[in-house]
Amino acid sequence: MHKITRNPTLTSDQLNRLFEISWRGHQDRDFLPILERSLAYVGAFSSDQLVGFVNVAWDGGRHGFILDVTVHPENRRMGIATDLLKGALAAARDGNLEWLHVDFDPEYEDLYRKAGYSPTAAGLIRVSSFDAG
């Protein structure tokens, strides 16, 4: 069983360990400035262990952005991602947002559709590889 908590007290170490085991190539970073600027973030816990996370970033107005949906590999297929997305939607509603955006790979379309998201066309550029010249 897991517990979903909005804006739990988290450390960069907790998040880096979760991301390290969940995402190939993750590099440690300081999450605290990110969390401070977020509209909200949601954590999933199992026996007080962080097993899931989602960040609700925002533009300071009416648009929110789902970022970093992450579930520990040993805890996947247990409904945690869906519960995290529901928690993010509740935070967006409480924050009076009009739109909540998310980008996802095609393999996750079923998850996001079940959570109420509709696919849209979007543009994306990797800034580090863009040559403005």
N, C-alpha and C. Protein backbone atom coordinates (compact mmCIF):
# COMPACT_ATOMS: atom_id res chain seq x y z
N MET A 1 0.84 -1.18 0.00
CA MET A 1 0.00 0.00 0.00
C MET A 1 0.88 1.24 0.00
N HIS A 2 0.43 2.27 -0.67
CA HIS A 2 1.21 3.50 -0.73
C HIS A 2 0.38 4.69 -0.26
N LYS A 3 1.09 5.71 0.18
CA LYS A 3 0.45 6.93 0.65
C LYS A 3 0.89 8.07 -0.26
N ILE A 4 -0.07 8.86 -0.72
CA ILE A 4 0.20 10.00 -1.59
C ILE A 4 0.14 11.27 -0.73
N THR A 5 1.18 12.10 -0.84
CA THR A 5 1.28 13.31 -0.04
C THR A 5 1.67 14.49 -0.91
N ARG A 6 0.91 15.59 -0.79
CA ARG A 6 1.24 16.81 -1.52
C ARG A 6 2.27 17.62 -0.72
N ASN A 7 3.29 18.07 -1.42
CA ASN A 7 4.35 18.91 -0.85
C ASN A 7 4.99 18.33 0.41
N PRO A 8 5.36 17.04 0.35
CA PRO A 8 6.04 16.47 1.53
C PRO A 8 7.44 17.08 1.67
N THR A 9 7.98 17.00 2.86
CA THR A 9 9.37 17.43 3.05
C THR A 9 10.26 16.39 2.39
N LEU A 10 11.01 16.84 1.38
CA LEU A 10 11.90 15.95 0.64
C LEU A 10 13.30 16.54 0.59
N THR A 11 14.29 15.68 0.48
CA THR A 11 15.66 16.13 0.31
C THR A 11 16.11 15.82 -1.11
N SER A 12 17.14 16.52 -1.53
CA SER A 12 17.72 16.23 -2.84
C SER A 12 18.24 14.80 -2.88
N ASP A 13 18.78 14.32 -1.75
CA ASP A 13 19.29 12.95 -1.70
C ASP A 13 18.18 11.94 -1.96
N GLN A 14 17.01 12.13 -1.33
CA GLN A 14 15.89 11.21 -1.57
C GLN A 14 15.50 11.20 -3.06
N LEU A 15 15.37 12.38 -3.63
CA LEU A 15 14.95 12.47 -5.03
C LEU A 15 16.03 11.93 -5.96
N ASN A 16 17.28 12.22 -5.69
CA ASN A 16 18.36 11.70 -6.54
C ASN A 16 18.42 10.19 -6.49
N ARG A 17 18.20 9.58 -5.33
CA ARG A 17 18.21 8.11 -5.24
C ARG A 17 17.04 7.52 -6.04
N LEU A 18 15.85 8.12 -5.92
CA LEU A 18 14.70 7.64 -6.68
C LEU A 18 14.95 7.79 -8.18
N PHE A 19 15.44 8.94 -8.61
CA PHE A 19 15.68 9.18 -10.04
C PHE A 19 16.81 8.29 -10.56
N GLU A 20 17.84 8.07 -9.74
CA GLU A 20 18.97 7.25 -10.15
C GLU A 20 18.54 5.81 -10.48
N ILE A 21 17.67 5.26 -9.66
CA ILE A 21 17.22 3.89 -9.88
C ILE A 21 16.15 3.82 -10.97
N SER A 22 15.49 4.95 -11.23
CA SER A 22 14.36 4.96 -12.17
C SER A 22 14.73 5.42 -13.58
N TRP A 23 15.74 6.26 -13.71
CA TRP A 23 16.08 6.87 -15.00
C TRP A 23 17.54 6.62 -15.36
N ARG A 24 17.76 5.96 -16.47
CA ARG A 24 19.12 5.71 -16.96
C ARG A 24 19.80 7.06 -17.24
N GLY A 25 21.01 7.21 -16.77
CA GLY A 25 21.80 8.41 -17.05
C GLY A 25 21.51 9.59 -16.13
N HIS A 26 20.70 9.39 -15.08
CA HIS A 26 20.41 10.50 -14.17
C HIS A 26 21.70 11.00 -13.54
N GLN A 27 21.82 12.32 -13.46
CA GLN A 27 22.95 12.95 -12.78
C GLN A 27 22.41 13.70 -11.58
N ASP A 28 23.06 13.51 -10.44
CA ASP A 28 22.61 14.17 -9.21
C ASP A 28 22.49 15.67 -9.41
N ARG A 29 21.47 16.25 -8.78
CA ARG A 29 21.28 17.70 -8.84
C ARG A 29 20.62 18.16 -7.55
N ASP A 30 20.61 19.46 -7.37
CA ASP A 30 19.97 20.07 -6.22
C ASP A 30 18.51 20.30 -6.58
N PHE A 31 17.62 19.56 -5.98
CA PHE A 31 16.19 19.67 -6.26
C PHE A 31 15.51 20.80 -5.48
N LEU A 32 16.13 21.28 -4.42
CA LEU A 32 15.44 22.23 -3.56
C LEU A 32 15.01 23.52 -4.27
N PRO A 33 15.86 24.14 -5.11
CA PRO A 33 15.38 25.32 -5.84
C PRO A 33 14.21 25.01 -6.79
N ILE A 34 14.19 23.81 -7.32
CA ILE A 34 13.10 23.39 -8.21
C ILE A 34 11.80 23.28 -7.41
N LEU A 35 11.87 22.62 -6.27
CA LEU A 35 10.69 22.44 -5.44
C LEU A 35 10.15 23.77 -4.94
N GLU A 36 11.05 24.69 -4.62
CA GLU A 36 10.63 26.00 -4.11
C GLU A 36 9.84 26.79 -5.15
N ARG A 37 10.12 26.58 -6.44
CA ARG A 37 9.45 27.33 -7.51
C ARG A 37 8.23 26.59 -8.06
N SER A 38 8.00 25.39 -7.62
CA SER A 38 6.88 24.60 -8.12
C SER A 38 5.56 25.09 -7.56
N LEU A 39 4.49 24.92 -8.33
CA LEU A 39 3.16 25.15 -7.78
C LEU A 39 2.92 24.14 -6.67
N ALA A 40 3.28 22.90 -6.94
CA ALA A 40 3.15 21.81 -5.98
C ALA A 40 3.99 20.64 -6.48
N TYR A 41 4.17 19.67 -5.63
CA TYR A 41 4.76 18.40 -6.01
C TYR A 41 4.11 17.34 -5.14
N VAL A 42 4.13 16.14 -5.65
CA VAL A 42 3.42 15.06 -4.97
C VAL A 42 4.39 13.88 -4.81
N GLY A 43 4.40 13.31 -3.63
CA GLY A 43 5.24 12.15 -3.36
C GLY A 43 4.39 10.95 -3.03
N ALA A 44 4.89 9.79 -3.40
CA ALA A 44 4.26 8.52 -3.02
C ALA A 44 5.22 7.80 -2.10
N PHE A 45 4.69 7.31 -0.99
CA PHE A 45 5.51 6.66 0.01
C PHE A 45 4.98 5.27 0.32
N SER A 46 5.90 4.36 0.53
CA SER A 46 5.59 3.01 0.99
C SER A 46 6.47 2.77 2.21
N SER A 47 5.84 2.59 3.36
CA SER A 47 6.59 2.42 4.61
C SER A 47 7.60 3.55 4.80
N ASP A 48 7.18 4.77 4.59
CA ASP A 48 8.00 5.98 4.75
C ASP A 48 9.15 6.08 3.74
N GLN A 49 9.20 5.21 2.77
CA GLN A 49 10.21 5.26 1.71
C GLN A 49 9.61 5.93 0.49
N LEU A 50 10.31 6.93 -0.09
CA LEU A 50 9.84 7.60 -1.29
C LEU A 50 9.89 6.63 -2.47
N VAL A 51 8.74 6.35 -3.06
CA VAL A 51 8.68 5.41 -4.19
C VAL A 51 8.10 6.06 -5.44
N GLY A 52 7.65 7.31 -5.34
CA GLY A 52 7.11 8.00 -6.51
C GLY A 52 7.11 9.50 -6.32
N PHE A 53 7.12 10.20 -7.44
CA PHE A 53 7.21 11.66 -7.40
C PHE A 53 6.65 12.24 -8.69
N VAL A 54 6.03 13.41 -8.59
CA VAL A 54 5.65 14.22 -9.74
C VAL A 54 5.73 15.68 -9.33
N ASN A 55 6.18 16.50 -10.26
CA ASN A 55 6.30 17.95 -10.02
C ASN A 55 5.26 18.67 -10.86
N VAL A 56 4.58 19.65 -10.26
CA VAL A 56 3.67 20.52 -11.00
C VAL A 56 4.34 21.89 -11.09
N ALA A 57 5.02 22.11 -12.20
CA ALA A 57 5.62 23.42 -12.47
C ALA A 57 4.54 24.32 -13.04
N TRP A 58 4.78 25.62 -13.05
CA TRP A 58 3.77 26.51 -13.60
C TRP A 58 4.39 27.79 -14.11
N ASP A 59 3.59 28.54 -14.85
CA ASP A 59 4.07 29.78 -15.44
C ASP A 59 3.76 30.99 -14.57
N GLY A 60 3.23 30.78 -13.39
CA GLY A 60 2.85 31.88 -12.51
C GLY A 60 1.46 32.40 -12.81
N GLY A 61 0.81 31.80 -13.79
CA GLY A 61 -0.52 32.25 -14.19
C GLY A 61 -1.50 31.09 -14.22
N ARG A 62 -1.94 30.73 -15.41
CA ARG A 62 -3.01 29.73 -15.56
C ARG A 62 -2.56 28.39 -16.13
N HIS A 63 -1.27 28.26 -16.46
CA HIS A 63 -0.78 27.03 -17.08
C HIS A 63 0.16 26.29 -16.14
N GLY A 64 -0.11 25.00 -15.97
CA GLY A 64 0.77 24.14 -15.20
C GLY A 64 1.36 23.07 -16.10
N PHE A 65 2.45 22.48 -15.65
CA PHE A 65 3.19 21.52 -16.44
C PHE A 65 3.59 20.35 -15.55
N ILE A 66 3.19 19.16 -15.95
CA ILE A 66 3.57 17.94 -15.25
C ILE A 66 4.99 17.59 -15.66
N LEU A 67 5.86 17.44 -14.67
CA LEU A 67 7.25 17.08 -14.93
C LEU A 67 7.68 15.95 -14.00
N ASP A 68 8.60 15.16 -14.49
CA ASP A 68 9.31 14.17 -13.67
C ASP A 68 8.43 13.11 -13.02
N VAL A 69 7.42 12.64 -13.74
CA VAL A 69 6.63 11.53 -13.19
C VAL A 69 7.58 10.34 -13.05
N THR A 70 7.77 9.91 -11.82
CA THR A 70 8.77 8.87 -11.53
C THR A 70 8.22 7.90 -10.51
N VAL A 71 8.34 6.61 -10.81
CA VAL A 71 7.96 5.56 -9.87
C VAL A 71 9.10 4.56 -9.80
N HIS A 72 9.49 4.21 -8.60
CA HIS A 72 10.55 3.22 -8.38
C HIS A 72 10.21 1.96 -9.17
N PRO A 73 11.17 1.38 -9.87
CA PRO A 73 10.89 0.18 -10.70
C PRO A 73 10.21 -0.96 -9.94
N GLU A 74 10.52 -1.15 -8.67
CA GLU A 74 9.91 -2.23 -7.90
C GLU A 74 8.46 -1.94 -7.51
N ASN A 75 8.02 -0.70 -7.73
CA ASN A 75 6.67 -0.30 -7.34
C ASN A 75 5.79 0.07 -8.53
N ARG A 76 6.22 -0.27 -9.71
CA ARG A 76 5.42 0.05 -10.89
C ARG A 76 4.28 -0.94 -11.06
N ARG A 77 3.28 -0.53 -11.83
CA ARG A 77 2.09 -1.35 -12.10
C ARG A 77 1.26 -1.59 -10.84
N MET A 78 1.30 -0.60 -9.93
CA MET A 78 0.54 -0.70 -8.69
C MET A 78 -0.42 0.49 -8.54
N GLY A 79 -0.55 1.29 -9.60
CA GLY A 79 -1.44 2.45 -9.57
C GLY A 79 -0.82 3.71 -9.00
N ILE A 80 0.47 3.67 -8.71
CA ILE A 80 1.12 4.83 -8.10
C ILE A 80 1.18 6.00 -9.07
N ALA A 81 1.56 5.77 -10.31
CA ALA A 81 1.63 6.88 -11.28
C ALA A 81 0.26 7.52 -11.46
N THR A 82 -0.77 6.72 -11.53
CA THR A 82 -2.13 7.26 -11.66
C THR A 82 -2.48 8.11 -10.44
N ASP A 83 -2.15 7.63 -9.25
CA ASP A 83 -2.44 8.39 -8.04
C ASP A 83 -1.62 9.68 -7.98
N LEU A 84 -0.38 9.64 -8.45
CA LEU A 84 0.43 10.85 -8.51
C LEU A 84 -0.20 11.88 -9.45
N LEU A 85 -0.67 11.40 -10.61
CA LEU A 85 -1.30 12.30 -11.57
C LEU A 85 -2.60 12.89 -11.03
N LYS A 86 -3.35 12.09 -10.28
CA LYS A 86 -4.57 12.61 -9.64
C LYS A 86 -4.19 13.68 -8.61
N GLY A 87 -3.15 13.44 -7.86
CA GLY A 87 -2.69 14.43 -6.88
C GLY A 87 -2.22 15.71 -7.55
N ALA A 88 -1.57 15.58 -8.69
CA ALA A 88 -1.13 16.76 -9.44
C ALA A 88 -2.33 17.54 -9.96
N LEU A 89 -3.34 16.84 -10.44
CA LEU A 89 -4.55 17.50 -10.94
C LEU A 89 -5.26 18.24 -9.80
N ALA A 90 -5.33 17.64 -8.64
CA ALA A 90 -5.95 18.30 -7.49
C ALA A 90 -5.17 19.56 -7.11
N ALA A 91 -3.86 19.50 -7.16
CA ALA A 91 -3.04 20.68 -6.86
C ALA A 91 -3.27 21.77 -7.89
N ALA A 92 -3.41 21.38 -9.16
CA ALA A 92 -3.67 22.35 -10.22
C ALA A 92 -5.03 23.03 -10.02
N ARG A 93 -6.03 22.24 -9.65
CA ARG A 93 -7.35 22.81 -9.37
C ARG A 93 -7.28 23.78 -8.18
N ASP A 94 -6.61 23.37 -7.13
CA ASP A 94 -6.49 24.22 -5.95
C ASP A 94 -5.70 25.49 -6.25
N GLY A 95 -4.81 25.42 -7.25
CA GLY A 95 -4.02 26.57 -7.66
C GLY A 95 -4.71 27.43 -8.71
N ASN A 96 -5.97 27.08 -9.01
CA ASN A 96 -6.76 27.83 -10.00
C ASN A 96 -6.16 27.85 -11.40
N LEU A 97 -5.50 26.77 -11.77
CA LEU A 97 -4.97 26.67 -13.12
C LEU A 97 -6.09 26.35 -14.09
N GLU A 98 -5.92 26.79 -15.31
CA GLU A 98 -6.88 26.49 -16.36
C GLU A 98 -6.44 25.29 -17.19
N TRP A 99 -5.14 25.15 -17.38
CA TRP A 99 -4.60 24.08 -18.21
C TRP A 99 -3.48 23.37 -17.47
N LEU A 100 -3.39 22.06 -17.68
CA LEU A 100 -2.30 21.25 -17.14
C LEU A 100 -1.71 20.46 -18.31
N HIS A 101 -0.49 20.77 -18.65
CA HIS A 101 0.19 20.18 -19.81
C HIS A 101 1.08 19.03 -19.36
N VAL A 102 1.26 18.06 -20.24
CA VAL A 102 2.24 17.00 -20.00
C VAL A 102 2.74 16.48 -21.35
N ASP A 103 4.02 16.22 -21.42
CA ASP A 103 4.62 15.56 -22.57
C ASP A 103 4.91 14.13 -22.16
N PHE A 104 4.69 13.20 -23.07
CA PHE A 104 4.97 11.81 -22.73
C PHE A 104 5.34 11.03 -23.99
N ASP A 105 6.12 9.99 -23.77
CA ASP A 105 6.48 9.08 -24.86
C ASP A 105 5.27 8.23 -25.22
N PRO A 106 5.19 7.81 -26.48
CA PRO A 106 4.03 7.03 -26.92
C PRO A 106 3.75 5.79 -26.07
N GLU A 107 4.77 5.19 -25.50
CA GLU A 107 4.56 3.98 -24.69
C GLU A 107 3.73 4.25 -23.43
N TYR A 108 3.61 5.53 -23.05
CA TYR A 108 2.85 5.88 -21.85
C TYR A 108 1.49 6.50 -22.16
N GLU A 109 1.09 6.46 -23.42
CA GLU A 109 -0.17 7.09 -23.80
C GLU A 109 -1.37 6.52 -23.05
N ASP A 110 -1.43 5.22 -22.88
CA ASP A 110 -2.56 4.62 -22.15
C ASP A 110 -2.67 5.16 -20.73
N LEU A 111 -1.55 5.28 -20.03
CA LEU A 111 -1.55 5.81 -18.67
C LEU A 111 -2.15 7.21 -18.65
N TYR A 112 -1.68 8.06 -19.54
CA TYR A 112 -2.14 9.45 -19.52
C TYR A 112 -3.57 9.58 -20.01
N ARG A 113 -3.96 8.78 -20.99
CA ARG A 113 -5.36 8.81 -21.43
C ARG A 113 -6.29 8.39 -20.29
N LYS A 114 -5.93 7.33 -19.57
CA LYS A 114 -6.74 6.87 -18.45
C LYS A 114 -6.83 7.93 -17.35
N ALA A 115 -5.81 8.76 -17.26
CA ALA A 115 -5.79 9.83 -16.26
C ALA A 115 -6.52 11.09 -16.76
N GLY A 116 -7.05 11.03 -18.01
CA GLY A 116 -7.84 12.13 -18.53
C GLY A 116 -7.14 13.07 -19.49
N TYR A 117 -5.88 12.82 -19.79
CA TYR A 117 -5.13 13.69 -20.70
C TYR A 117 -5.40 13.31 -22.15
N SER A 118 -5.45 14.31 -23.00
CA SER A 118 -5.63 14.11 -24.43
C SER A 118 -4.32 14.40 -25.14
N PRO A 119 -3.93 13.56 -26.10
CA PRO A 119 -2.72 13.85 -26.86
C PRO A 119 -2.89 15.13 -27.68
N THR A 120 -1.82 15.88 -27.81
CA THR A 120 -1.81 17.09 -28.63
C THR A 120 -0.51 17.13 -29.41
N ALA A 121 -0.51 17.90 -30.46
CA ALA A 121 0.74 18.15 -31.18
C ALA A 121 1.55 19.15 -30.36
N ALA A 122 2.84 18.95 -30.32
CA ALA A 122 3.70 19.86 -29.57
C ALA A 122 5.06 19.93 -30.25
N GLY A 123 5.79 20.94 -29.95
CA GLY A 123 7.16 21.07 -30.46
C GLY A 123 8.15 20.88 -29.34
N LEU A 124 9.33 20.41 -29.69
CA LEU A 124 10.35 20.14 -28.68
C LEU A 124 11.71 20.36 -29.31
N ILE A 125 12.60 20.98 -28.58
CA ILE A 125 13.97 21.15 -29.05
C ILE A 125 14.92 20.90 -27.88
N ARG A 126 16.00 20.19 -28.15
CA ARG A 126 17.05 19.98 -27.14
C ARG A 126 17.95 21.20 -27.21
N VAL A 127 17.86 22.05 -26.22
CA VAL A 127 18.57 23.33 -26.21
C VAL A 127 20.07 23.12 -26.32
N SER A 128 20.60 22.12 -25.64
CA SER A 128 22.04 21.91 -25.63
C SER A 128 22.61 21.53 -27.00
N SER A 129 21.77 21.08 -27.92
CA SER A 129 22.27 20.70 -29.24
C SER A 129 21.81 21.66 -30.34
N PHE A 130 21.17 22.76 -29.97
CA PHE A 130 20.68 23.72 -30.96
C PHE A 130 21.79 24.69 -31.32
N ASP A 131 22.01 24.84 -32.62
CA ASP A 131 23.01 25.79 -33.13
C ASP A 131 22.27 27.00 -33.68
N ALA A 132 22.32 28.10 -32.96
CA ALA A 132 21.61 29.31 -33.37
C ALA A 132 22.28 30.02 -34.53
N GLY A 133 23.50 29.63 -34.84
CA GLY A 133 24.27 30.32 -35.89
C GLY A 133 23.85 29.92 -37.23
